[in-house]
Amino acid sequence: MQTIYMLTAVDVRRAEKEGTSRANAISKLTIPPVKFITAKHSPGGGVMGVDWTVPRIEPLEPAFMIRGLDKEIFVGLGHRDRWVFAGSYKDLRTGKNVSARAIIEGAIVEWEPDESDPEDFQGCNHALKEVTHFELILDGEELYYIDFWERIMRRNGEDLFEGVRGALGA
């Protein structure tokens, strides 16, 4: 039977700096979608075109929103850093709380405050680009491990790029 996980809490923090948890200020986070690149093929004599899947993904663009002004965000703004996007999920069948972690290396390149007035709690959106490392772990199980520099892309432990590296002799 399929397990249903319900998100109950989130946090974003720098992976290598203590005291940067935003659990009390974060409003929402966006784990980036993993979208495989495709190569379009439309044969002149065929009956249909096909978008062939390539073992490569589009650039990842994680984001998060903080309520209020977060001065610590401006430290290193525009420079790549290692981040932890953390979540707590409840397994609705067993009632067990399980952890989710996305380890992301990227640079916050956008800081966008909302329109605000003194009666509303201002939100500030933060977007990361230049993502070169992404891991997604749920309840201790690696779902994705993608690293630009290592040229590794694993899904559930299977290295999707191993054959390509081998064919290149690398």
Protein backbone atom coordinates (compact mmCIF):
# COMPACT_ATOMS: atom_id res chain seq x y z
CA MET A 1 0.00 0.00 0.00
CA GLN A 2 1.23 3.48 -0.90
CA THR A 3 2.47 5.55 2.04
CA ILE A 4 1.05 9.05 2.29
CA TYR A 5 3.43 11.65 3.69
CA MET A 6 2.05 14.96 4.96
CA LEU A 7 4.41 17.91 5.32
CA THR A 8 4.26 19.29 8.88
CA ALA A 9 7.25 21.68 9.16
CA VAL A 10 10.09 23.20 7.11
CA ASP A 11 13.43 24.92 7.65
CA VAL A 12 16.22 26.40 5.52
CA ARG A 13 19.73 26.90 6.85
CA ARG A 14 23.32 27.14 5.73
CA ALA A 15 24.77 23.63 5.86
CA GLU A 16 28.13 24.63 7.30
CA LYS A 17 27.25 27.48 9.66
CA GLU A 18 25.66 27.04 13.08
CA GLY A 19 22.75 29.21 14.18
CA THR A 20 21.25 29.83 10.73
CA SER A 21 17.98 27.91 11.15
CA ARG A 22 14.98 29.81 9.83
CA ALA A 23 12.34 27.43 11.24
CA ASN A 24 10.47 30.24 13.02
CA ALA A 25 10.65 32.72 10.12
CA ILE A 26 10.24 30.59 7.01
CA SER A 27 6.89 30.74 5.29
CA LYS A 28 7.49 28.28 2.46
CA LEU A 29 10.21 26.58 0.47
CA THR A 30 10.41 25.15 -3.01
CA ILE A 31 12.38 21.98 -3.58
CA PRO A 32 13.31 22.32 -7.24
CA PRO A 33 11.65 20.06 -9.77
CA VAL A 34 13.95 17.58 -11.49
CA LYS A 35 13.25 17.86 -15.23
CA PHE A 36 15.14 15.65 -17.63
CA ILE A 37 16.35 17.20 -20.86
CA THR A 38 14.85 15.76 -24.02
CA ALA A 39 16.07 15.71 -27.62
CA LYS A 40 13.31 16.34 -30.13
CA HIS A 41 13.20 14.01 -33.14
CA SER A 42 10.67 14.40 -35.94
CA PRO A 43 11.39 11.89 -38.69
CA GLY A 44 10.43 13.07 -42.18
CA GLY A 45 9.10 9.65 -43.09
CA GLY A 46 7.70 8.68 -39.70
CA VAL A 47 4.24 8.82 -38.19
CA MET A 48 5.15 10.74 -35.03
CA GLY A 49 7.81 12.78 -33.34
CA VAL A 50 9.49 11.69 -30.13
CA ASP A 51 11.15 13.68 -27.37
CA TRP A 52 13.95 11.27 -26.40
CA THR A 53 15.07 11.46 -22.77
CA VAL A 54 18.71 12.40 -22.19
CA PRO A 55 20.45 11.48 -18.88
CA ARG A 56 20.86 15.15 -18.00
CA ILE A 57 18.61 17.61 -16.18
CA GLU A 58 17.62 21.23 -16.61
CA PRO A 59 19.12 23.77 -14.18
CA LEU A 60 17.66 23.50 -10.67
CA GLU A 61 16.09 26.60 -9.13
CA PRO A 62 15.21 26.18 -5.44
CA ALA A 63 13.53 29.04 -3.57
CA PHE A 64 12.15 29.99 -0.18
CA MET A 65 10.17 32.77 1.49
CA ILE A 66 10.96 34.29 4.85
CA ARG A 67 8.53 36.41 6.88
CA GLY A 68 10.33 39.57 7.91
CA LEU A 69 13.76 40.81 6.94
CA ASP A 70 16.56 38.24 7.34
CA LYS A 71 19.86 40.12 7.62
CA GLU A 72 21.93 36.93 7.65
CA ILE A 73 20.81 36.19 4.07
CA PHE A 74 22.90 39.11 2.84
CA VAL A 75 26.08 37.36 3.99
CA GLY A 76 27.39 35.84 0.79
CA LEU A 77 24.47 36.97 -1.36
CA GLY A 78 25.44 36.14 -4.94
CA HIS A 79 28.06 33.56 -3.91
CA ARG A 80 27.59 29.79 -3.99
CA ASP A 81 27.04 28.19 -0.59
CA ARG A 82 25.79 24.86 0.74
CA TRP A 83 22.20 24.89 2.03
CA VAL A 84 19.92 22.44 3.83
CA PHE A 85 16.25 22.54 2.92
CA ALA A 86 14.70 20.45 5.71
CA GLY A 87 11.22 19.08 6.12
CA SER A 88 9.32 17.00 8.60
CA TYR A 89 6.73 14.65 7.13
CA LYS A 90 4.20 12.54 8.97
CA ASP A 91 3.60 9.02 7.66
CA LEU A 92 -0.19 9.07 7.86
CA ARG A 93 -0.45 5.27 8.07
CA THR A 94 1.99 4.78 10.97
CA GLY A 95 1.93 8.25 12.55
CA LYS A 96 5.75 8.33 12.47
CA ASN A 97 7.53 11.64 11.78
CA VAL A 98 10.19 11.28 9.10
CA SER A 99 12.86 13.69 7.98
CA ALA A 100 13.41 15.02 4.49
CA ARG A 101 16.60 16.79 3.49
CA ALA A 102 17.63 18.50 0.32
CA ILE A 103 21.32 19.39 0.38
CA ILE A 104 21.79 22.11 -2.22
CA GLU A 105 24.91 23.96 -3.32
CA GLY A 106 23.95 27.18 -5.05
CA ALA A 107 23.92 30.95 -4.85
CA ILE A 108 21.07 33.14 -3.71
CA VAL A 109 20.83 35.45 -6.70
CA GLU A 110 17.42 36.99 -6.09
CA TRP A 111 16.11 38.75 -3.02
CA GLU A 112 12.63 40.14 -3.56
CA PRO A 113 10.62 41.73 -0.75
CA ASP A 114 6.82 41.73 -1.06
CA GLU A 115 4.74 44.85 -1.14
CA SER A 116 4.02 45.57 2.46
CA ASP A 117 2.57 47.92 5.00
CA PRO A 118 2.87 48.05 8.79
CA GLU A 119 -0.27 45.89 9.21
CA ASP A 120 1.10 42.97 7.18
CA PHE A 121 4.07 40.77 7.94
CA GLN A 122 6.38 41.42 5.00
CA GLY A 123 7.60 38.39 3.12
CA CYS A 124 10.90 38.18 1.25
CA ASN A 125 11.45 35.68 -1.56
CA HIS A 126 14.88 34.17 -2.13
CA ALA A 127 15.85 32.27 -5.29
CA LEU A 128 18.95 30.17 -5.85
CA LYS A 129 20.72 29.54 -9.14
CA GLU A 130 24.17 28.24 -10.07
CA VAL A 131 23.13 24.97 -8.41
CA THR A 132 25.94 22.44 -8.79
CA HIS A 133 24.95 19.88 -6.15
CA PHE A 134 21.57 18.45 -5.14
CA GLU A 135 20.74 15.57 -2.82
CA LEU A 136 17.25 14.56 -1.78
CA ILE A 137 16.93 12.18 1.18
CA LEU A 138 13.65 10.97 2.70
CA ASP A 139 13.70 9.02 5.96
CA GLY A 140 17.39 8.18 5.44
CA GLU A 141 16.85 6.91 1.87
CA GLU A 142 18.62 8.69 -0.99
CA LEU A 143 16.09 9.56 -3.69
CA TYR A 144 18.41 11.75 -5.81
CA TYR A 145 22.10 12.61 -5.78
CA ILE A 146 23.21 14.95 -8.57
CA ASP A 147 26.61 16.63 -8.72
CA PHE A 148 27.83 18.74 -11.65
CA TRP A 149 31.55 18.48 -10.77
CA GLU A 150 31.51 14.74 -10.08
CA ARG A 151 29.28 14.12 -13.14
CA ILE A 152 27.12 11.78 -11.09
CA MET A 153 23.34 11.54 -11.20
CA ARG A 154 21.83 8.82 -9.03
CA ARG A 155 18.15 8.05 -8.66
CA ASN A 156 17.37 5.60 -5.85
CA GLY A 157 21.03 4.51 -5.88
CA GLU A 158 21.18 3.84 -9.64
CA ASP A 159 23.82 5.94 -11.43
CA LEU A 160 22.04 7.18 -14.55
CA PHE A 161 25.22 8.67 -16.06
CA GLU A 162 27.61 5.75 -15.43
CA GLY A 163 27.29 4.38 -18.96
CA VAL A 164 27.91 7.82 -20.46
CA ARG A 165 31.05 8.33 -18.37
CA GLY A 166 32.24 4.87 -19.41
CA ALA A 167 31.57 5.56 -23.10
CA LEU A 168 33.58 8.78 -22.80
CA GLY A 169 36.40 6.86 -21.10
CA ALA A 170 36.14 8.98 -17.98
